[in-house]
Structure formats: structure tokens, C-alpha cells
N, C-alpha and C. Protein backbone atom coordinates (compact mmCIF):
# COMPACT_ATOMS: atom_id res chain seq x y z
N MET A 1 -18.91 -52.57 43.54
CA MET A 1 -19.66 -51.45 43.01
C MET A 1 -18.72 -50.32 42.61
N LYS A 2 -17.62 -50.15 43.38
CA LYS A 2 -16.67 -49.09 43.07
C LYS A 2 -16.02 -49.32 41.70
N ASN A 3 -15.64 -50.56 41.42
CA ASN A 3 -15.04 -50.88 40.12
C ASN A 3 -16.01 -50.62 38.98
N PHE A 4 -17.26 -50.96 39.19
CA PHE A 4 -18.28 -50.73 38.17
C PHE A 4 -18.45 -49.23 37.91
N SER A 5 -18.43 -48.41 38.96
CA SER A 5 -18.54 -46.96 38.81
C SER A 5 -17.36 -46.40 38.03
N VAL A 6 -16.17 -46.88 38.32
CA VAL A 6 -14.98 -46.44 37.59
C VAL A 6 -15.10 -46.84 36.12
N PHE A 7 -15.54 -48.05 35.89
CA PHE A 7 -15.74 -48.51 34.51
C PHE A 7 -16.72 -47.61 33.77
N LEU A 8 -17.86 -47.32 34.39
CA LEU A 8 -18.85 -46.46 33.74
C LEU A 8 -18.30 -45.07 33.47
N PHE A 9 -17.53 -44.52 34.36
CA PHE A 9 -16.94 -43.20 34.17
C PHE A 9 -15.99 -43.20 32.97
N VAL A 10 -15.09 -44.17 32.91
CA VAL A 10 -14.13 -44.26 31.81
C VAL A 10 -14.86 -44.52 30.49
N PHE A 11 -15.85 -45.40 30.51
CA PHE A 11 -16.62 -45.70 29.32
C PHE A 11 -17.34 -44.46 28.80
N SER A 12 -17.93 -43.68 29.68
CA SER A 12 -18.64 -42.47 29.26
C SER A 12 -17.68 -41.44 28.67
N LEU A 13 -16.47 -41.33 29.21
CA LEU A 13 -15.48 -40.42 28.63
C LEU A 13 -15.13 -40.85 27.20
N CYS A 14 -14.98 -42.14 27.00
CA CYS A 14 -14.68 -42.64 25.65
C CYS A 14 -15.82 -42.34 24.69
N MET A 15 -17.04 -42.53 25.14
CA MET A 15 -18.19 -42.30 24.28
C MET A 15 -18.37 -40.81 23.98
N LEU A 16 -18.12 -39.94 24.94
CA LEU A 16 -18.23 -38.51 24.68
C LEU A 16 -17.21 -38.08 23.64
N GLY A 17 -16.05 -38.67 23.66
CA GLY A 17 -15.05 -38.36 22.64
C GLY A 17 -15.47 -38.84 21.27
N HIS A 18 -16.22 -39.94 21.23
CA HIS A 18 -16.63 -40.49 19.95
C HIS A 18 -17.83 -39.77 19.36
N VAL A 19 -18.79 -39.42 20.17
CA VAL A 19 -19.98 -38.75 19.67
C VAL A 19 -19.64 -37.27 19.51
N SER A 20 -18.87 -36.99 18.49
CA SER A 20 -18.36 -35.64 18.30
C SER A 20 -19.00 -34.98 17.10
N GLY A 21 -18.72 -33.69 16.94
CA GLY A 21 -19.28 -32.95 15.83
C GLY A 21 -18.51 -33.18 14.55
N SER A 22 -19.23 -33.15 13.48
CA SER A 22 -18.66 -33.29 12.14
C SER A 22 -19.45 -32.39 11.22
N GLY A 23 -19.04 -32.34 9.97
CA GLY A 23 -19.79 -31.49 9.06
C GLY A 23 -19.40 -31.62 7.61
N ILE A 24 -20.19 -30.91 6.82
CA ILE A 24 -20.01 -30.84 5.37
C ILE A 24 -19.98 -29.36 5.00
N ARG A 25 -19.04 -28.98 4.16
CA ARG A 25 -19.02 -27.63 3.57
C ARG A 25 -19.18 -27.82 2.07
N ILE A 26 -20.10 -27.06 1.48
CA ILE A 26 -20.28 -27.10 0.03
C ILE A 26 -20.12 -25.68 -0.49
N ALA A 27 -19.13 -25.51 -1.38
CA ALA A 27 -18.81 -24.19 -1.91
C ALA A 27 -19.13 -24.14 -3.40
N ASN A 28 -19.62 -22.99 -3.85
CA ASN A 28 -19.90 -22.76 -5.26
C ASN A 28 -18.71 -22.04 -5.87
N GLU A 29 -17.91 -22.75 -6.65
CA GLU A 29 -16.78 -22.18 -7.37
C GLU A 29 -17.02 -22.22 -8.88
N LEU A 30 -18.31 -22.22 -9.26
CA LEU A 30 -18.66 -22.23 -10.68
C LEU A 30 -18.38 -20.86 -11.29
N LYS A 31 -18.16 -20.83 -12.59
CA LYS A 31 -17.89 -19.58 -13.30
C LYS A 31 -19.20 -18.97 -13.80
N PHE A 32 -19.09 -17.75 -14.30
CA PHE A 32 -20.18 -17.04 -14.98
C PHE A 32 -21.40 -16.83 -14.07
N ASN A 33 -21.16 -16.63 -12.78
CA ASN A 33 -22.22 -16.35 -11.80
C ASN A 33 -23.33 -17.41 -11.78
N LYS A 34 -22.98 -18.66 -12.02
CA LYS A 34 -23.98 -19.73 -11.98
C LYS A 34 -24.35 -20.03 -10.53
N LEU A 35 -25.61 -20.28 -10.32
CA LEU A 35 -26.09 -20.68 -9.00
C LEU A 35 -25.86 -22.18 -8.81
N LEU A 36 -25.72 -22.59 -7.55
CA LEU A 36 -25.59 -24.00 -7.21
C LEU A 36 -26.76 -24.37 -6.31
N TRP A 37 -27.59 -25.31 -6.76
CA TRP A 37 -28.73 -25.81 -5.99
C TRP A 37 -28.26 -27.04 -5.22
N ILE A 38 -28.56 -27.09 -3.91
CA ILE A 38 -28.15 -28.24 -3.12
C ILE A 38 -29.31 -28.75 -2.26
N ARG A 39 -29.26 -30.04 -2.00
CA ARG A 39 -30.16 -30.68 -1.04
C ARG A 39 -29.39 -31.86 -0.46
N CYS A 40 -29.31 -31.93 0.87
CA CYS A 40 -28.60 -33.01 1.54
C CYS A 40 -29.53 -33.64 2.59
N TYR A 41 -29.30 -34.91 2.86
CA TYR A 41 -30.14 -35.59 3.84
C TYR A 41 -29.38 -36.76 4.46
N SER A 42 -29.82 -37.09 5.65
CA SER A 42 -29.36 -38.30 6.34
C SER A 42 -30.61 -39.06 6.75
N LYS A 43 -30.43 -40.09 7.55
CA LYS A 43 -31.59 -40.84 8.05
C LYS A 43 -32.50 -39.94 8.89
N ASP A 44 -31.89 -38.97 9.61
CA ASP A 44 -32.65 -38.16 10.55
C ASP A 44 -32.83 -36.70 10.16
N ASP A 45 -32.06 -36.20 9.21
CA ASP A 45 -32.07 -34.77 8.90
C ASP A 45 -32.17 -34.51 7.41
N VAL A 46 -32.74 -33.32 7.07
CA VAL A 46 -32.78 -32.85 5.69
C VAL A 46 -32.32 -31.40 5.69
N PHE A 47 -31.42 -31.07 4.77
CA PHE A 47 -30.96 -29.70 4.59
C PHE A 47 -31.26 -29.29 3.16
N GLY A 48 -31.99 -28.18 3.02
CA GLY A 48 -32.30 -27.68 1.69
C GLY A 48 -33.68 -28.11 1.27
N PRO A 49 -34.02 -27.81 0.03
CA PRO A 49 -33.12 -27.29 -0.98
C PRO A 49 -32.71 -25.84 -0.70
N LYS A 50 -31.51 -25.51 -1.16
CA LYS A 50 -30.94 -24.17 -0.98
C LYS A 50 -30.14 -23.83 -2.23
N THR A 51 -30.12 -22.55 -2.58
CA THR A 51 -29.35 -22.09 -3.72
C THR A 51 -28.19 -21.25 -3.21
N ILE A 52 -26.98 -21.55 -3.70
CA ILE A 52 -25.77 -20.86 -3.26
C ILE A 52 -25.21 -20.04 -4.42
N PRO A 53 -25.02 -18.74 -4.23
CA PRO A 53 -24.41 -17.92 -5.28
C PRO A 53 -22.93 -18.24 -5.45
N THR A 54 -22.37 -17.87 -6.60
CA THR A 54 -20.96 -18.08 -6.88
C THR A 54 -20.11 -17.39 -5.81
N GLY A 55 -19.07 -18.08 -5.35
CA GLY A 55 -18.15 -17.53 -4.36
C GLY A 55 -18.59 -17.70 -2.93
N GLN A 56 -19.73 -18.32 -2.70
CA GLN A 56 -20.21 -18.53 -1.34
C GLN A 56 -20.28 -20.02 -1.02
N HIS A 57 -20.51 -20.33 0.25
CA HIS A 57 -20.61 -21.73 0.67
C HIS A 57 -21.61 -21.86 1.81
N VAL A 58 -22.00 -23.09 2.08
CA VAL A 58 -22.82 -23.42 3.25
C VAL A 58 -22.10 -24.50 4.03
N GLU A 59 -22.35 -24.50 5.34
CA GLU A 59 -21.81 -25.56 6.20
C GLU A 59 -22.96 -26.22 6.93
N ILE A 60 -22.91 -27.53 6.94
CA ILE A 60 -23.91 -28.33 7.64
C ILE A 60 -23.16 -29.06 8.75
N SER A 61 -23.48 -28.72 10.00
CA SER A 61 -22.83 -29.36 11.15
C SER A 61 -23.80 -30.35 11.78
N PHE A 62 -23.26 -31.44 12.26
CA PHE A 62 -24.08 -32.46 12.90
C PHE A 62 -23.21 -33.30 13.82
N ARG A 63 -23.85 -34.09 14.64
CA ARG A 63 -23.15 -35.00 15.53
C ARG A 63 -23.25 -36.40 14.96
N ILE A 64 -22.13 -37.12 15.02
CA ILE A 64 -22.15 -38.49 14.52
C ILE A 64 -22.73 -39.40 15.59
N ASN A 65 -23.32 -40.50 15.16
CA ASN A 65 -23.95 -41.38 16.13
C ASN A 65 -22.97 -42.37 16.74
N LEU A 66 -23.39 -42.98 17.79
CA LEU A 66 -22.55 -43.89 18.58
C LEU A 66 -22.09 -45.11 17.79
N TRP A 67 -22.89 -45.55 16.83
CA TRP A 67 -22.57 -46.77 16.09
C TRP A 67 -21.74 -46.50 14.83
N ALA A 68 -21.31 -45.27 14.63
CA ALA A 68 -20.47 -44.90 13.48
C ALA A 68 -21.13 -45.23 12.15
N THR A 69 -22.42 -44.95 12.06
CA THR A 69 -23.14 -45.20 10.81
C THR A 69 -23.67 -43.92 10.18
N THR A 70 -23.26 -42.76 10.69
CA THR A 70 -23.73 -41.49 10.16
C THR A 70 -23.32 -41.36 8.70
N ARG A 71 -24.29 -40.98 7.87
CA ARG A 71 -24.05 -40.81 6.43
C ARG A 71 -24.95 -39.69 5.92
N PHE A 72 -24.39 -38.81 5.11
CA PHE A 72 -25.15 -37.76 4.44
C PHE A 72 -25.03 -37.92 2.94
N MET A 73 -26.15 -37.85 2.27
CA MET A 73 -26.20 -37.89 0.81
C MET A 73 -26.55 -36.48 0.33
N CYS A 74 -25.98 -36.07 -0.80
CA CYS A 74 -26.27 -34.74 -1.35
C CYS A 74 -26.54 -34.82 -2.84
N THR A 75 -27.36 -33.88 -3.30
CA THR A 75 -27.59 -33.66 -4.72
C THR A 75 -27.21 -32.23 -5.00
N LEU A 76 -26.36 -32.02 -6.01
CA LEU A 76 -25.98 -30.68 -6.46
C LEU A 76 -26.45 -30.52 -7.90
N ARG A 77 -26.96 -29.33 -8.21
CA ARG A 77 -27.39 -29.01 -9.57
C ARG A 77 -26.81 -27.65 -9.96
N GLN A 78 -26.31 -27.59 -11.18
CA GLN A 78 -25.64 -26.40 -11.69
C GLN A 78 -26.64 -25.53 -12.44
N GLY A 79 -26.80 -24.25 -12.01
CA GLY A 79 -27.69 -23.32 -12.70
C GLY A 79 -27.07 -22.82 -13.99
N PRO A 80 -27.78 -22.10 -14.84
CA PRO A 80 -29.13 -21.60 -14.61
C PRO A 80 -30.24 -22.58 -14.97
N ASN A 81 -29.96 -23.57 -15.84
CA ASN A 81 -31.04 -24.50 -16.23
C ASN A 81 -31.06 -25.78 -15.39
N TYR A 82 -30.05 -25.99 -14.55
CA TYR A 82 -29.97 -27.12 -13.61
C TYR A 82 -29.98 -28.49 -14.29
N ARG A 83 -29.52 -28.55 -15.54
CA ARG A 83 -29.44 -29.84 -16.24
C ARG A 83 -28.25 -30.66 -15.76
N HIS A 84 -27.15 -30.00 -15.43
CA HIS A 84 -25.96 -30.71 -14.94
C HIS A 84 -26.13 -30.95 -13.43
N TYR A 85 -25.99 -32.19 -13.00
CA TYR A 85 -26.23 -32.53 -11.60
C TYR A 85 -25.32 -33.67 -11.17
N GLN A 86 -25.30 -33.94 -9.87
CA GLN A 86 -24.60 -35.09 -9.33
C GLN A 86 -25.22 -35.44 -7.98
N LYS A 87 -25.43 -36.73 -7.74
CA LYS A 87 -25.89 -37.25 -6.45
C LYS A 87 -24.76 -38.09 -5.90
N PHE A 88 -24.41 -37.89 -4.61
CA PHE A 88 -23.26 -38.58 -4.06
C PHE A 88 -23.34 -38.66 -2.53
N THR A 89 -22.51 -39.52 -1.96
CA THR A 89 -22.36 -39.60 -0.51
C THR A 89 -21.41 -38.49 -0.10
N ALA A 90 -21.92 -37.51 0.64
CA ALA A 90 -21.12 -36.34 1.02
C ALA A 90 -20.40 -36.53 2.35
N PHE A 91 -20.82 -37.53 3.13
CA PHE A 91 -20.18 -37.80 4.41
C PHE A 91 -20.47 -39.23 4.81
N LYS A 92 -19.42 -39.94 5.23
CA LYS A 92 -19.58 -41.32 5.67
C LYS A 92 -18.45 -41.65 6.63
N LEU A 93 -18.76 -42.35 7.69
CA LEU A 93 -17.73 -42.80 8.62
C LEU A 93 -17.20 -44.16 8.18
N PHE A 94 -15.95 -44.42 8.55
CA PHE A 94 -15.30 -45.66 8.16
C PHE A 94 -14.98 -46.52 9.37
N GLY A 95 -15.90 -46.60 10.32
CA GLY A 95 -15.71 -47.43 11.51
C GLY A 95 -15.75 -46.62 12.78
N VAL A 96 -15.72 -47.31 13.90
CA VAL A 96 -15.89 -46.67 15.20
C VAL A 96 -14.71 -45.77 15.59
N THR A 97 -13.55 -45.94 14.97
CA THR A 97 -12.42 -45.07 15.29
C THR A 97 -12.39 -43.82 14.42
N ASP A 98 -13.25 -43.72 13.43
CA ASP A 98 -13.32 -42.55 12.57
C ASP A 98 -14.19 -41.50 13.26
N HIS A 99 -13.68 -40.29 13.37
CA HIS A 99 -14.41 -39.23 14.06
C HIS A 99 -14.91 -38.16 13.10
N GLY A 100 -14.88 -38.42 11.82
CA GLY A 100 -15.54 -37.55 10.86
C GLY A 100 -14.73 -36.40 10.35
N GLY A 101 -14.74 -35.29 11.07
CA GLY A 101 -14.08 -34.08 10.60
C GLY A 101 -14.98 -33.33 9.63
N LEU A 102 -14.37 -32.42 8.88
CA LEU A 102 -15.11 -31.62 7.91
C LEU A 102 -14.82 -32.13 6.50
N TRP A 103 -15.86 -32.47 5.77
CA TRP A 103 -15.72 -32.88 4.37
C TRP A 103 -16.04 -31.65 3.53
N ASP A 104 -15.03 -31.09 2.91
CA ASP A 104 -15.10 -29.83 2.17
C ASP A 104 -15.28 -30.12 0.67
N TRP A 105 -16.48 -29.83 0.15
CA TRP A 105 -16.81 -30.08 -1.25
C TRP A 105 -16.80 -28.77 -2.02
N ARG A 106 -16.26 -28.78 -3.25
CA ARG A 106 -16.20 -27.59 -4.11
C ARG A 106 -16.81 -27.94 -5.46
N ALA A 107 -17.86 -27.20 -5.84
CA ALA A 107 -18.47 -27.38 -7.15
C ALA A 107 -17.75 -26.48 -8.14
N ARG A 108 -17.12 -27.09 -9.15
CA ARG A 108 -16.39 -26.36 -10.19
C ARG A 108 -16.95 -26.77 -11.55
N GLU A 109 -16.57 -26.04 -12.57
CA GLU A 109 -17.08 -26.29 -13.92
C GLU A 109 -16.83 -27.72 -14.38
N ASP A 110 -15.67 -28.27 -14.07
CA ASP A 110 -15.31 -29.60 -14.58
C ASP A 110 -15.68 -30.74 -13.63
N GLY A 111 -16.26 -30.43 -12.47
CA GLY A 111 -16.65 -31.49 -11.56
C GLY A 111 -16.74 -31.05 -10.12
N ILE A 112 -16.82 -32.01 -9.22
CA ILE A 112 -16.98 -31.75 -7.79
C ILE A 112 -15.75 -32.30 -7.08
N TYR A 113 -15.13 -31.46 -6.26
CA TYR A 113 -13.87 -31.76 -5.60
C TYR A 113 -14.06 -31.95 -4.10
N LEU A 114 -13.18 -32.72 -3.48
CA LEU A 114 -13.27 -33.01 -2.05
C LEU A 114 -11.93 -32.80 -1.36
N ASN A 115 -12.01 -32.26 -0.14
CA ASN A 115 -10.88 -32.17 0.79
C ASN A 115 -11.43 -32.53 2.16
N LYS A 116 -10.80 -33.49 2.86
CA LYS A 116 -11.22 -33.83 4.22
C LYS A 116 -10.29 -33.12 5.19
N GLU A 117 -10.89 -32.39 6.14
CA GLU A 117 -10.12 -31.63 7.11
C GLU A 117 -10.43 -32.11 8.52
N GLY A 118 -9.41 -32.08 9.37
CA GLY A 118 -9.59 -32.32 10.80
C GLY A 118 -10.14 -33.69 11.11
N GLY A 119 -10.71 -33.78 12.27
CA GLY A 119 -11.26 -35.05 12.73
C GLY A 119 -10.16 -35.94 13.26
N ARG A 120 -10.35 -36.44 14.45
CA ARG A 120 -9.38 -37.37 15.01
C ARG A 120 -9.49 -38.71 14.31
N HIS A 121 -8.38 -39.33 14.09
CA HIS A 121 -8.33 -40.68 13.51
C HIS A 121 -8.98 -40.74 12.14
N ILE A 122 -8.89 -39.66 11.36
CA ILE A 122 -9.48 -39.71 10.03
C ILE A 122 -8.75 -40.81 9.26
N ARG A 123 -9.49 -41.78 8.81
CA ARG A 123 -8.90 -42.99 8.26
C ARG A 123 -8.10 -42.71 6.99
N ASN A 124 -8.65 -41.96 6.09
CA ASN A 124 -7.98 -41.66 4.83
C ASN A 124 -8.01 -40.16 4.59
N PRO A 125 -7.05 -39.40 5.17
CA PRO A 125 -7.06 -37.97 4.91
C PRO A 125 -6.93 -37.72 3.42
N VAL A 126 -7.64 -36.72 2.94
CA VAL A 126 -7.70 -36.47 1.50
C VAL A 126 -7.41 -35.01 1.23
N ASN A 127 -6.45 -34.74 0.35
CA ASN A 127 -6.21 -33.39 -0.13
C ASN A 127 -7.17 -33.12 -1.28
N MET A 128 -7.38 -31.84 -1.60
CA MET A 128 -8.34 -31.45 -2.63
C MET A 128 -8.07 -32.21 -3.93
N HIS A 129 -9.07 -32.94 -4.38
CA HIS A 129 -8.98 -33.63 -5.66
C HIS A 129 -10.38 -33.87 -6.21
N LYS A 130 -10.46 -34.07 -7.50
CA LYS A 130 -11.74 -34.27 -8.17
C LYS A 130 -12.30 -35.64 -7.83
N MET A 131 -13.56 -35.64 -7.36
CA MET A 131 -14.23 -36.90 -7.01
C MET A 131 -15.29 -37.29 -8.05
N TYR A 132 -16.02 -36.32 -8.58
CA TYR A 132 -17.14 -36.63 -9.47
C TYR A 132 -17.18 -35.66 -10.66
N ASP A 133 -17.62 -36.19 -11.78
CA ASP A 133 -17.96 -35.36 -12.94
C ASP A 133 -19.44 -35.01 -12.86
N TRP A 134 -19.83 -33.97 -13.53
CA TRP A 134 -21.24 -33.60 -13.63
C TRP A 134 -21.95 -34.58 -14.56
N ILE A 135 -23.17 -34.93 -14.26
CA ILE A 135 -24.01 -35.74 -15.14
C ILE A 135 -24.84 -34.77 -15.95
N ASN A 136 -24.89 -35.01 -17.27
CA ASN A 136 -25.68 -34.09 -18.16
C ASN A 136 -27.10 -34.50 -18.24
């Protein structure tokens, strides 16, 4: 029984380290005071719709699940007429050793950029680079 108790203690410490916080930051870096409309969702949560003024950002914090299947999808639309848009996976884990971190998205005139920050064992750290073009 003592060995089993030790096993459970060590196992719970490992799981507490894995079920950690992660998040998404979406910043409006559009020109000409354009608004950015956003809506994000996962299997369990919905954020938005929300409108972000130029020069501001929102952060969505959440806990990743034990099975490393946490995923957030987002839709961004560029004001004022909201014809330019993009739907994309804003957060996804790459296995049980991936601990998420902060996925920093920037909406700019020529597209949507990503930088991944922090997170233990981030599988593919990413410096700021363009990920998506706007759809007309």
C-alpha cells in the first residue's frame, strides 16, 4: 500500500504540471483606426464576439486538458465593413509533452501574424511571422 501511495503522489505531481494554464492574445495592429471583430471557441468555451480598437488587445486564458487535445478556433474580421476575414486554429497542443504557452496573434493590414511565447516543452517555438492572409 505504501508503494501505491508513493506512486499516486508522484503521478499527481506530474499531472498538476501538465494541466497548466495557457492562452491566446489577439492584438489589433490594423491601420486607419479599423476595428477588429473576434470570436473564439473551443469544445467547452466561447469568447466573443468582441470588437477590439486599434492598438489594443485581448487575452483569453484557459487550462489545457489532461489528454492534450485542447484546441481553440478563432474568426477575425477587419472593420469597418468586415469583408476581410480569416478563420483559423488559434491554439493547439502537439502531444502530451506540449504545455501550450501563450500564442500571440497580431492582426495587420497584410495578414495575421503569430509568435509563441513561454510554455514548457513548446514543441516548435515560433518567432513573429505571417501565418495567414486575409480572405476577401
